[in-house]
């Protein structure tokens, strides 16, 4: 199985059975990501070098406006898509097998966790995986220690308060907070 076939399958949202060829590819990509993350996270790099290593991790060009503060964690790396002028602070984790799509002018705080995989609820199929993308709109701001669960879309201009756990879609230009994250108010509303 090649990378294109893998991405086509996981981006289709179909269940990934265990054991399967797709699961084997998960393991291969994990080993590659671990090697590249070690290079990124274990020594000092210039911003340009960080972008070069991140491009190697994602197997696609990364724009010059990306600012990323290591350490950075992923167990795949190949299904991360980042817009212009994105800032990712230290210790961010992206479990990206199901696809992570980040718009332009997005701020991602320390220790943020973006997750795209669930397990089948049936105990007999519990090792099977259910991929679902995380989508973050233009101008969104995710505070420190935010967790975004699989299948969630965060609208343009939304603010996710620190320590929030986002379990459902967030409308554009709204502020959410808490566990689970709930509507607080519209952005710029007093």
N, C-alpha and C. Protein backbone atom coordinates (compact mmCIF):
# COMPACT_ATOMS: atom_id res chain seq x y z
N UNK A 1 0.86 -1.19 0.00
CA UNK A 1 0.00 0.00 0.00
C UNK A 1 0.89 1.23 0.00
N UNK A 2 0.56 2.19 -0.87
CA UNK A 2 1.34 3.43 -0.88
C UNK A 2 0.60 4.51 -0.08
N UNK A 3 1.27 5.64 0.12
CA UNK A 3 0.73 6.72 0.94
C UNK A 3 -0.58 7.26 0.37
N UNK A 4 -0.68 7.41 -0.94
CA UNK A 4 -1.92 7.92 -1.54
C UNK A 4 -3.10 7.00 -1.24
N UNK A 5 -2.91 5.69 -1.40
CA UNK A 5 -3.98 4.73 -1.10
C UNK A 5 -4.37 4.81 0.38
N UNK A 6 -3.37 4.92 1.24
CA UNK A 6 -3.63 5.04 2.68
C UNK A 6 -4.47 6.28 2.98
N UNK A 7 -4.04 7.43 2.46
CA UNK A 7 -4.77 8.68 2.72
C UNK A 7 -6.17 8.64 2.13
N UNK A 8 -6.31 8.09 0.93
CA UNK A 8 -7.65 7.96 0.34
C UNK A 8 -8.56 7.15 1.25
N UNK A 9 -8.04 6.08 1.81
CA UNK A 9 -8.86 5.21 2.66
C UNK A 9 -9.24 5.92 3.96
N UNK A 10 -8.25 6.45 4.69
CA UNK A 10 -8.58 7.07 5.98
C UNK A 10 -9.41 8.33 5.81
N UNK A 11 -9.22 9.06 4.71
CA UNK A 11 -10.03 10.26 4.47
C UNK A 11 -11.45 9.93 4.02
N UNK A 12 -11.71 8.68 3.67
CA UNK A 12 -13.07 8.27 3.30
C UNK A 12 -13.95 8.11 4.54
N UNK A 13 -13.33 8.02 5.72
CA UNK A 13 -14.08 7.82 6.95
C UNK A 13 -14.46 6.38 7.22
N UNK A 14 -14.03 5.46 6.38
CA UNK A 14 -14.35 4.04 6.58
C UNK A 14 -13.61 3.50 7.81
N UNK A 15 -14.23 2.54 8.46
CA UNK A 15 -13.62 1.89 9.61
C UNK A 15 -12.34 1.16 9.18
N UNK A 16 -11.33 1.26 10.03
CA UNK A 16 -10.06 0.57 9.80
C UNK A 16 -10.06 -0.68 10.68
N UNK A 17 -10.15 -1.83 10.04
CA UNK A 17 -10.22 -3.08 10.79
C UNK A 17 -8.84 -3.51 11.26
N UNK A 18 -8.84 -4.23 12.38
CA UNK A 18 -7.61 -4.79 12.92
C UNK A 18 -7.74 -6.30 12.96
N UNK A 19 -6.80 -7.03 12.43
CA UNK A 19 -5.65 -6.58 11.65
C UNK A 19 -6.04 -6.29 10.20
N UNK A 20 -5.25 -5.46 9.54
CA UNK A 20 -5.48 -5.14 8.13
C UNK A 20 -4.23 -4.48 7.56
N UNK A 21 -4.23 -4.34 6.24
CA UNK A 21 -3.12 -3.67 5.56
C UNK A 21 -3.04 -2.21 5.98
N UNK A 22 -4.19 -1.59 6.21
CA UNK A 22 -4.22 -0.19 6.65
C UNK A 22 -3.56 -0.07 8.02
N UNK A 23 -3.90 -0.98 8.95
CA UNK A 23 -3.28 -0.97 10.28
C UNK A 23 -1.77 -1.14 10.17
N UNK A 24 -1.32 -1.99 9.28
CA UNK A 24 0.12 -2.17 9.08
C UNK A 24 0.77 -0.86 8.62
N UNK A 25 0.07 -0.12 7.75
CA UNK A 25 0.58 1.17 7.29
C UNK A 25 0.63 2.16 8.45
N UNK A 26 -0.36 2.12 9.37
CA UNK A 26 -0.32 2.95 10.57
C UNK A 26 1.02 2.75 11.28
N UNK A 27 1.41 1.49 11.45
CA UNK A 27 2.65 1.18 12.18
C UNK A 27 3.88 1.68 11.42
N UNK A 28 3.90 1.51 10.12
CA UNK A 28 5.03 2.01 9.32
C UNK A 28 5.16 3.53 9.45
N UNK A 29 4.04 4.23 9.35
CA UNK A 29 4.07 5.69 9.45
C UNK A 29 4.45 6.15 10.85
N UNK A 30 4.03 5.39 11.87
CA UNK A 30 4.42 5.71 13.24
C UNK A 30 5.94 5.64 13.40
N UNK A 31 6.56 4.61 12.86
CA UNK A 31 8.02 4.47 12.96
C UNK A 31 8.73 5.62 12.24
N UNK A 32 8.24 5.96 11.04
CA UNK A 32 8.84 7.08 10.31
C UNK A 32 8.66 8.39 11.06
N UNK A 33 7.44 8.64 11.58
CA UNK A 33 7.18 9.87 12.34
C UNK A 33 8.06 9.94 13.59
N UNK A 34 8.27 8.82 14.25
CA UNK A 34 9.10 8.79 15.45
C UNK A 34 10.54 9.19 15.11
N UNK A 35 11.06 8.70 14.00
CA UNK A 35 12.41 9.05 13.57
C UNK A 35 12.51 10.56 13.29
N UNK A 36 11.54 11.10 12.56
CA UNK A 36 11.58 12.52 12.19
C UNK A 36 11.34 13.40 13.41
N UNK A 37 10.42 13.01 14.29
CA UNK A 37 10.17 13.79 15.52
C UNK A 37 11.42 13.85 16.39
N UNK A 38 12.17 12.77 16.44
CA UNK A 38 13.41 12.77 17.23
C UNK A 38 14.36 13.83 16.71
N UNK A 39 14.46 13.93 15.40
CA UNK A 39 15.32 14.96 14.80
C UNK A 39 14.80 16.35 15.16
N UNK A 40 13.48 16.55 15.08
CA UNK A 40 12.88 17.85 15.36
C UNK A 40 13.00 18.24 16.83
N UNK A 41 12.73 17.30 17.71
CA UNK A 41 12.54 17.62 19.12
C UNK A 41 13.79 17.53 19.99
N UNK A 42 14.86 16.92 19.50
CA UNK A 42 15.99 16.62 20.38
C UNK A 42 17.21 17.51 20.22
N UNK A 43 17.11 18.54 19.40
CA UNK A 43 18.20 19.49 19.29
C UNK A 43 17.66 20.82 18.79
N UNK A 44 18.48 21.86 18.91
CA UNK A 44 18.08 23.19 18.48
C UNK A 44 18.05 23.27 16.95
N UNK A 45 17.03 23.99 16.42
CA UNK A 45 16.93 24.26 14.98
C UNK A 45 16.48 25.69 14.77
N UNK A 46 16.91 26.27 13.66
CA UNK A 46 16.39 27.57 13.26
C UNK A 46 14.94 27.38 12.79
N UNK A 47 14.22 28.50 12.65
CA UNK A 47 12.84 28.41 12.15
C UNK A 47 12.80 27.76 10.77
N UNK A 48 13.76 28.10 9.93
CA UNK A 48 13.80 27.51 8.59
C UNK A 48 14.02 25.99 8.66
N UNK A 49 14.92 25.56 9.54
CA UNK A 49 15.18 24.13 9.70
C UNK A 49 13.95 23.40 10.25
N UNK A 50 13.24 24.05 11.18
CA UNK A 50 12.02 23.45 11.72
C UNK A 50 11.00 23.22 10.60
N UNK A 51 10.84 24.22 9.73
CA UNK A 51 9.90 24.07 8.61
C UNK A 51 10.35 22.96 7.66
N UNK A 52 11.65 22.84 7.42
CA UNK A 52 12.16 21.77 6.55
C UNK A 52 11.86 20.39 7.15
N UNK A 53 12.09 20.25 8.45
CA UNK A 53 11.83 18.96 9.11
C UNK A 53 10.33 18.68 9.13
N UNK A 54 9.53 19.71 9.38
CA UNK A 54 8.07 19.53 9.38
C UNK A 54 7.58 19.13 8.00
N UNK A 55 8.19 19.68 6.97
CA UNK A 55 7.84 19.30 5.60
C UNK A 55 8.18 17.83 5.35
N UNK A 56 9.31 17.38 5.87
CA UNK A 56 9.66 15.97 5.76
C UNK A 56 8.64 15.10 6.49
N UNK A 57 8.22 15.56 7.66
CA UNK A 57 7.24 14.82 8.46
C UNK A 57 5.91 14.68 7.73
N UNK A 58 5.46 15.75 7.08
CA UNK A 58 4.15 15.74 6.42
C UNK A 58 4.22 15.28 4.97
N UNK A 59 5.42 15.14 4.43
CA UNK A 59 5.63 14.77 3.01
C UNK A 59 4.98 15.75 2.05
N UNK A 60 4.96 17.02 2.45
CA UNK A 60 4.44 18.06 1.57
C UNK A 60 5.11 19.38 1.92
N UNK A 61 5.16 20.32 0.98
CA UNK A 61 5.79 21.61 1.29
C UNK A 61 5.06 22.33 2.41
N UNK A 62 5.82 23.03 3.24
CA UNK A 62 5.26 23.84 4.32
C UNK A 62 5.58 25.29 4.01
N UNK A 63 4.60 26.16 4.12
CA UNK A 63 4.83 27.56 3.76
C UNK A 63 5.76 28.24 4.76
N UNK A 64 6.41 29.31 4.31
CA UNK A 64 7.40 30.02 5.11
C UNK A 64 6.81 30.77 6.29
N UNK A 65 5.50 30.88 6.36
CA UNK A 65 4.88 31.62 7.46
C UNK A 65 4.56 30.74 8.67
N UNK A 66 4.76 29.41 8.56
CA UNK A 66 4.52 28.53 9.70
C UNK A 66 5.54 28.82 10.79
N UNK A 67 5.04 28.99 12.02
CA UNK A 67 5.90 29.10 13.19
C UNK A 67 5.52 27.98 14.14
N UNK A 68 6.47 27.14 14.45
CA UNK A 68 6.23 25.97 15.30
C UNK A 68 7.31 25.93 16.37
N UNK A 69 6.89 25.77 17.63
CA UNK A 69 7.83 25.68 18.75
C UNK A 69 7.87 24.22 19.21
N UNK A 70 9.00 23.53 18.99
CA UNK A 70 9.10 22.15 19.46
C UNK A 70 9.09 22.10 20.99
N UNK A 71 8.78 20.97 21.60
CA UNK A 71 8.55 19.71 20.92
C UNK A 71 7.16 19.64 20.28
N UNK A 72 7.08 18.81 19.24
CA UNK A 72 5.85 18.54 18.51
C UNK A 72 5.69 17.03 18.43
N UNK A 73 4.44 16.56 18.54
CA UNK A 73 4.20 15.12 18.57
C UNK A 73 3.12 14.73 17.56
N UNK A 74 3.36 13.63 16.87
CA UNK A 74 2.37 13.01 16.01
C UNK A 74 2.73 11.54 15.86
N UNK A 75 1.73 10.72 15.55
CA UNK A 75 2.02 9.31 15.30
C UNK A 75 1.78 8.95 13.84
N UNK A 76 1.71 9.99 12.99
CA UNK A 76 1.57 9.78 11.54
C UNK A 76 2.27 10.92 10.80
N UNK A 77 1.66 12.09 10.81
CA UNK A 77 2.25 13.27 10.18
C UNK A 77 1.84 13.51 8.75
N UNK A 78 1.37 12.49 8.06
CA UNK A 78 1.12 12.59 6.62
C UNK A 78 -0.24 13.18 6.26
N UNK A 79 -1.11 13.42 7.26
CA UNK A 79 -2.44 13.93 6.97
C UNK A 79 -2.70 15.23 7.72
N UNK A 80 -1.63 16.05 7.81
CA UNK A 80 -1.71 17.39 8.41
C UNK A 80 -1.65 18.40 7.27
N UNK A 81 -2.60 19.34 7.27
CA UNK A 81 -2.70 20.35 6.21
C UNK A 81 -2.80 21.72 6.89
N UNK A 82 -1.82 22.59 6.63
CA UNK A 82 -1.71 23.85 7.37
C UNK A 82 -1.74 25.04 6.42
N UNK A 83 -2.56 26.04 6.77
CA UNK A 83 -2.66 27.25 5.98
C UNK A 83 -1.52 28.23 6.24
N UNK A 84 -1.74 29.47 5.87
CA UNK A 84 -0.74 30.54 6.02
C UNK A 84 -0.80 31.13 7.43
N UNK A 85 0.36 31.61 7.90
CA UNK A 85 0.45 32.35 9.17
C UNK A 85 -0.11 31.57 10.36
N UNK A 86 0.29 30.33 10.48
CA UNK A 86 -0.15 29.49 11.60
C UNK A 86 0.95 29.45 12.63
N UNK A 87 0.56 29.57 13.91
CA UNK A 87 1.50 29.46 15.03
C UNK A 87 1.09 28.26 15.88
N UNK A 88 2.02 27.34 16.09
CA UNK A 88 1.80 26.15 16.91
C UNK A 88 2.79 26.19 18.05
N UNK A 89 2.28 26.33 19.27
CA UNK A 89 3.17 26.43 20.42
C UNK A 89 3.63 25.06 20.87
N UNK A 90 4.50 25.03 21.85
CA UNK A 90 5.21 23.80 22.24
C UNK A 90 4.29 22.72 22.79
N UNK A 91 4.74 21.50 22.54
CA UNK A 91 4.12 20.28 23.06
C UNK A 91 2.75 20.00 22.47
N UNK A 92 2.51 20.46 21.25
CA UNK A 92 1.27 20.15 20.55
C UNK A 92 1.31 18.71 20.07
N UNK A 93 0.17 18.02 20.17
CA UNK A 93 0.04 16.66 19.67
C UNK A 93 -1.05 16.63 18.61
N UNK A 94 -0.71 16.09 17.44
CA UNK A 94 -1.68 15.93 16.36
C UNK A 94 -1.74 14.46 15.97
N UNK A 95 -2.83 13.82 16.35
CA UNK A 95 -3.10 12.44 15.94
C UNK A 95 -3.87 12.56 14.62
N UNK A 96 -3.13 12.59 13.53
CA UNK A 96 -3.68 13.09 12.27
C UNK A 96 -4.12 12.03 11.27
N UNK A 97 -4.17 10.77 11.63
CA UNK A 97 -4.53 9.76 10.63
C UNK A 97 -5.86 10.08 9.95
N UNK A 98 -6.83 10.62 10.68
CA UNK A 98 -8.13 10.96 10.11
C UNK A 98 -8.17 12.30 9.40
N UNK A 99 -7.07 13.05 9.44
CA UNK A 99 -6.98 14.33 8.74
C UNK A 99 -7.12 15.53 9.66
N UNK A 100 -6.14 16.41 9.64
CA UNK A 100 -6.20 17.68 10.37
C UNK A 100 -6.01 18.79 9.35
N UNK A 101 -6.99 19.69 9.31
CA UNK A 101 -7.02 20.77 8.34
C UNK A 101 -7.08 22.09 9.09
N UNK A 102 -6.00 22.87 9.02
CA UNK A 102 -5.87 24.12 9.78
C UNK A 102 -5.85 25.27 8.78
N UNK A 103 -6.76 26.22 8.98
CA UNK A 103 -6.87 27.37 8.08
C UNK A 103 -5.75 28.38 8.28
N UNK A 104 -5.95 29.57 7.74
CA UNK A 104 -4.98 30.65 7.84
C UNK A 104 -5.12 31.40 9.16
N UNK A 105 -4.00 31.97 9.63
CA UNK A 105 -3.99 32.86 10.79
C UNK A 105 -4.53 32.19 12.06
N UNK A 106 -4.16 30.94 12.26
CA UNK A 106 -4.62 30.16 13.41
C UNK A 106 -3.53 30.16 14.48
N UNK A 107 -3.95 30.29 15.74
CA UNK A 107 -3.05 30.21 16.89
C UNK A 107 -3.39 28.95 17.69
N UNK A 108 -2.38 28.13 17.97
CA UNK A 108 -2.58 26.89 18.71
C UNK A 108 -1.68 26.94 19.94
N UNK A 109 -2.29 26.88 21.14
CA UNK A 109 -1.57 27.03 22.39
C UNK A 109 -0.81 25.79 22.83
N UNK A 110 0.01 25.99 23.89
CA UNK A 110 0.78 24.91 24.50
C UNK A 110 -0.09 23.69 24.80
N UNK A 111 0.48 22.52 24.60
CA UNK A 111 -0.13 21.24 25.01
C UNK A 111 -1.47 20.94 24.36
N UNK A 112 -1.76 21.57 23.24
CA UNK A 112 -3.02 21.28 22.54
C UNK A 112 -2.96 19.89 21.94
N UNK A 113 -4.10 19.22 21.94
CA UNK A 113 -4.19 17.84 21.45
C UNK A 113 -5.33 17.77 20.43
N UNK A 114 -4.98 17.48 19.17
CA UNK A 114 -5.97 17.35 18.09
C UNK A 114 -6.05 15.87 17.74
N UNK A 115 -7.22 15.27 17.94
CA UNK A 115 -7.39 13.83 17.81
C UNK A 115 -8.34 13.50 16.67
N UNK A 116 -8.00 12.47 15.88
CA UNK A 116 -8.84 12.12 14.73
C UNK A 116 -9.23 10.66 14.68
N UNK A 117 -8.97 9.91 15.73
CA UNK A 117 -9.32 8.48 15.74
C UNK A 117 -10.15 8.12 16.97
N UNK A 118 -11.20 7.37 16.73
CA UNK A 118 -11.95 6.72 17.80
C UNK A 118 -11.84 5.22 17.60
N UNK A 119 -12.18 4.46 18.65
CA UNK A 119 -12.23 3.00 18.54
C UNK A 119 -13.69 2.56 18.42
N UNK A 120 -13.90 1.43 17.81
CA UNK A 120 -15.24 0.84 17.73
C UNK A 120 -15.71 0.53 19.15
N UNK A 121 -16.96 0.82 19.45
CA UNK A 121 -17.51 0.57 20.79
C UNK A 121 -17.70 -0.90 21.10
N UNK A 122 -17.91 -1.72 20.08
CA UNK A 122 -18.13 -3.15 20.26
C UNK A 122 -16.85 -3.77 20.83
N UNK A 123 -16.90 -4.39 22.03
CA UNK A 123 -15.69 -4.97 22.62
C UNK A 123 -14.98 -5.96 21.71
N UNK A 124 -15.73 -6.66 20.85
CA UNK A 124 -15.12 -7.65 19.96
C UNK A 124 -14.38 -6.97 18.80
N UNK A 125 -14.69 -5.70 18.54
CA UNK A 125 -14.05 -4.95 17.45
C UNK A 125 -13.31 -3.72 17.98
N UNK A 126 -13.01 -3.71 19.26
CA UNK A 126 -12.46 -2.52 19.92
C UNK A 126 -11.15 -2.04 19.31
N UNK A 127 -10.36 -2.91 18.73
CA UNK A 127 -9.10 -2.49 18.12
C UNK A 127 -9.30 -1.80 16.77
N UNK A 128 -10.52 -1.91 16.20
CA UNK A 128 -10.81 -1.21 14.95
C UNK A 128 -10.84 0.29 15.20
N UNK A 129 -10.43 1.06 14.20
CA UNK A 129 -10.34 2.51 14.33
C UNK A 129 -11.34 3.20 13.42
N UNK A 130 -11.88 4.32 13.90
CA UNK A 130 -12.85 5.12 13.15
C UNK A 130 -12.26 6.52 12.92
N UNK A 131 -11.70 6.78 11.74
CA UNK A 131 -11.10 8.09 11.47
C UNK A 131 -12.16 9.15 11.18
N UNK A 132 -11.92 10.35 11.71
CA UNK A 132 -12.79 11.50 11.44
C UNK A 132 -11.94 12.76 11.55
N UNK A 133 -12.02 13.66 10.57
CA UNK A 133 -11.13 14.82 10.54
C UNK A 133 -11.44 15.88 11.58
N UNK A 134 -10.41 16.64 11.93
CA UNK A 134 -10.54 17.87 12.70
C UNK A 134 -10.26 19.01 11.73
N UNK A 135 -11.17 19.99 11.72
CA UNK A 135 -11.03 21.15 10.83
C UNK A 135 -11.07 22.41 11.67
N UNK A 136 -10.07 23.26 11.47
CA UNK A 136 -9.96 24.51 12.23
C UNK A 136 -9.99 25.66 11.24
N UNK A 137 -10.98 26.53 11.40
CA UNK A 137 -11.20 27.63 10.46
C UNK A 137 -10.20 28.76 10.58
N UNK A 138 -10.21 29.63 9.61
CA UNK A 138 -9.33 30.80 9.58
C UNK A 138 -9.50 31.65 10.82
N UNK A 139 -8.38 32.11 11.36
CA UNK A 139 -8.43 33.05 12.47
C UNK A 139 -8.84 32.45 13.80
N UNK A 140 -8.93 31.15 13.91
CA UNK A 140 -9.29 30.53 15.19
C UNK A 140 -8.11 30.59 16.15
N UNK A 141 -8.44 30.56 17.45
CA UNK A 141 -7.42 30.60 18.51
C UNK A 141 -7.76 29.50 19.50
N UNK A 142 -6.86 28.54 19.66
CA UNK A 142 -7.02 27.46 20.62
C UNK A 142 -6.06 27.72 21.77
N UNK A 143 -6.61 27.91 22.97
CA UNK A 143 -5.78 28.19 24.15
C UNK A 143 -4.98 26.97 24.58
N UNK A 144 -4.19 27.16 25.62
CA UNK A 144 -3.35 26.08 26.14
C UNK A 144 -4.18 24.92 26.66
N UNK A 145 -3.66 23.72 26.47
CA UNK A 145 -4.26 22.48 27.00
C UNK A 145 -5.63 22.15 26.43
N UNK A 146 -5.93 22.64 25.25
CA UNK A 146 -7.20 22.32 24.59
C UNK A 146 -7.10 20.92 23.98
N UNK A 147 -8.19 20.17 24.07
CA UNK A 147 -8.31 18.88 23.40
C UNK A 147 -9.49 18.96 22.44
N UNK A 148 -9.25 18.62 21.17
CA UNK A 148 -10.30 18.60 20.15
C UNK A 148 -10.48 17.15 19.72
N UNK A 149 -11.72 16.65 19.84
CA UNK A 149 -12.01 15.25 19.55
C UNK A 149 -12.29 15.02 18.06
N UNK A 150 -12.25 13.76 17.62
CA UNK A 150 -12.43 13.43 16.21
C UNK A 150 -13.75 13.95 15.64
N UNK A 151 -13.67 14.44 14.39
CA UNK A 151 -14.86 14.87 13.67
C UNK A 151 -15.32 16.28 13.96
N UNK A 152 -14.59 17.03 14.78
CA UNK A 152 -15.00 18.37 15.17
C UNK A 152 -14.51 19.41 14.15
N UNK A 153 -15.39 20.36 13.83
CA UNK A 153 -15.04 21.52 13.02
C UNK A 153 -15.14 22.76 13.89
N UNK A 154 -14.09 23.56 13.89
CA UNK A 154 -14.06 24.82 14.63
C UNK A 154 -14.16 25.93 13.60
N UNK A 155 -15.17 26.78 13.75
CA UNK A 155 -15.45 27.81 12.76
C UNK A 155 -14.44 28.94 12.74
N UNK A 156 -14.47 29.72 11.66
CA UNK A 156 -13.60 30.88 11.50
C UNK A 156 -13.75 31.82 12.69
N UNK A 157 -12.62 32.29 13.19
CA UNK A 157 -12.62 33.30 14.25
C UNK A 157 -13.01 32.82 15.62
N UNK A 158 -13.27 31.54 15.79
CA UNK A 158 -13.67 31.01 17.10
C UNK A 158 -12.51 31.04 18.08
N UNK A 159 -12.84 31.13 19.35
CA UNK A 159 -11.85 31.06 20.43
C UNK A 159 -12.22 29.89 21.32
N UNK A 160 -11.23 29.02 21.56
CA UNK A 160 -11.41 27.87 22.44
C UNK A 160 -10.61 28.17 23.70
N UNK A 161 -11.29 28.32 24.84
CA UNK A 161 -10.62 28.70 26.08
C UNK A 161 -9.68 27.60 26.55
N UNK A 162 -8.66 28.00 27.30
CA UNK A 162 -7.69 27.06 27.84
C UNK A 162 -8.38 25.94 28.60
N UNK A 163 -7.85 24.74 28.45
CA UNK A 163 -8.32 23.52 29.12
C UNK A 163 -9.65 22.99 28.62
N UNK A 164 -10.21 23.56 27.58
CA UNK A 164 -11.49 23.08 27.05
C UNK A 164 -11.31 21.73 26.36
N UNK A 165 -12.36 20.92 26.41
CA UNK A 165 -12.43 19.67 25.66
C UNK A 165 -13.57 19.84 24.66
N UNK A 166 -13.22 19.92 23.38
CA UNK A 166 -14.19 20.22 22.34
C UNK A 166 -14.72 18.91 21.76
N UNK A 167 -15.99 18.64 22.04
CA UNK A 167 -16.61 17.37 21.65
C UNK A 167 -17.57 17.52 20.48
N UNK A 168 -17.88 18.77 20.10
CA UNK A 168 -18.79 19.01 18.97
C UNK A 168 -18.39 20.28 18.25
N UNK A 169 -18.95 20.49 17.08
CA UNK A 169 -18.59 21.63 16.25
C UNK A 169 -18.78 22.95 17.00
N UNK A 170 -17.92 23.92 16.66
CA UNK A 170 -17.97 25.26 17.25
C UNK A 170 -18.28 26.25 16.14
N UNK A 171 -19.31 27.06 16.34
CA UNK A 171 -19.69 28.05 15.34
C UNK A 171 -18.62 29.12 15.17
N UNK A 172 -18.61 29.76 14.01
CA UNK A 172 -17.68 30.85 13.75
C UNK A 172 -17.91 31.98 14.74
N UNK A 173 -16.83 32.69 15.08
CA UNK A 173 -16.88 33.90 15.91
C UNK A 173 -17.57 33.69 17.25
N UNK A 174 -17.37 32.50 17.83
CA UNK A 174 -17.90 32.24 19.17
C UNK A 174 -16.77 31.84 20.10
N UNK A 175 -17.01 32.00 21.39
CA UNK A 175 -16.07 31.57 22.43
C UNK A 175 -16.71 30.41 23.16
N UNK A 176 -15.94 29.32 23.30
CA UNK A 176 -16.40 28.16 24.08
C UNK A 176 -15.39 27.86 25.17
N UNK A 177 -15.86 27.24 26.25
CA UNK A 177 -15.00 26.90 27.37
C UNK A 177 -15.59 25.72 28.11
N UNK A 178 -14.73 25.01 28.85
CA UNK A 178 -15.20 23.97 29.75
C UNK A 178 -15.02 22.56 29.23
N UNK A 179 -15.50 21.63 30.05
CA UNK A 179 -15.43 20.19 29.74
C UNK A 179 -16.82 19.61 29.96
N UNK A 180 -17.54 19.27 28.90
CA UNK A 180 -17.22 19.56 27.50
C UNK A 180 -17.39 21.04 27.20
N UNK A 181 -16.74 21.51 26.15
CA UNK A 181 -16.79 22.93 25.80
C UNK A 181 -18.21 23.35 25.48
N UNK A 182 -18.60 24.48 26.06
CA UNK A 182 -19.94 25.04 25.84
C UNK A 182 -19.82 26.51 25.44
N UNK A 183 -20.84 26.98 24.75
CA UNK A 183 -20.90 28.37 24.30
C UNK A 183 -20.81 29.31 25.49
N UNK A 184 -19.94 30.33 25.38
CA UNK A 184 -19.81 31.38 26.40
C UNK A 184 -20.45 32.66 25.88
N UNK A 185 -19.99 33.09 24.70
CA UNK A 185 -20.54 34.29 24.09
C UNK A 185 -19.97 34.43 22.69
N UNK A 186 -20.47 35.40 21.94
CA UNK A 186 -19.92 35.73 20.62
C UNK A 186 -18.61 36.51 20.83
N UNK A 187 -17.69 36.39 19.89
CA UNK A 187 -16.45 37.16 19.94
C UNK A 187 -16.80 38.65 19.87
N UNK A 188 -16.12 39.46 20.67
CA UNK A 188 -16.31 40.92 20.75
C UNK A 188 -17.67 41.33 21.29
N UNK A 189 -18.41 40.43 21.88
CA UNK A 189 -19.67 40.78 22.53
C UNK A 189 -19.37 41.02 24.00
N UNK A 190 -19.89 42.09 24.56
CA UNK A 190 -19.60 42.39 25.97
C UNK A 190 -20.71 41.91 26.87
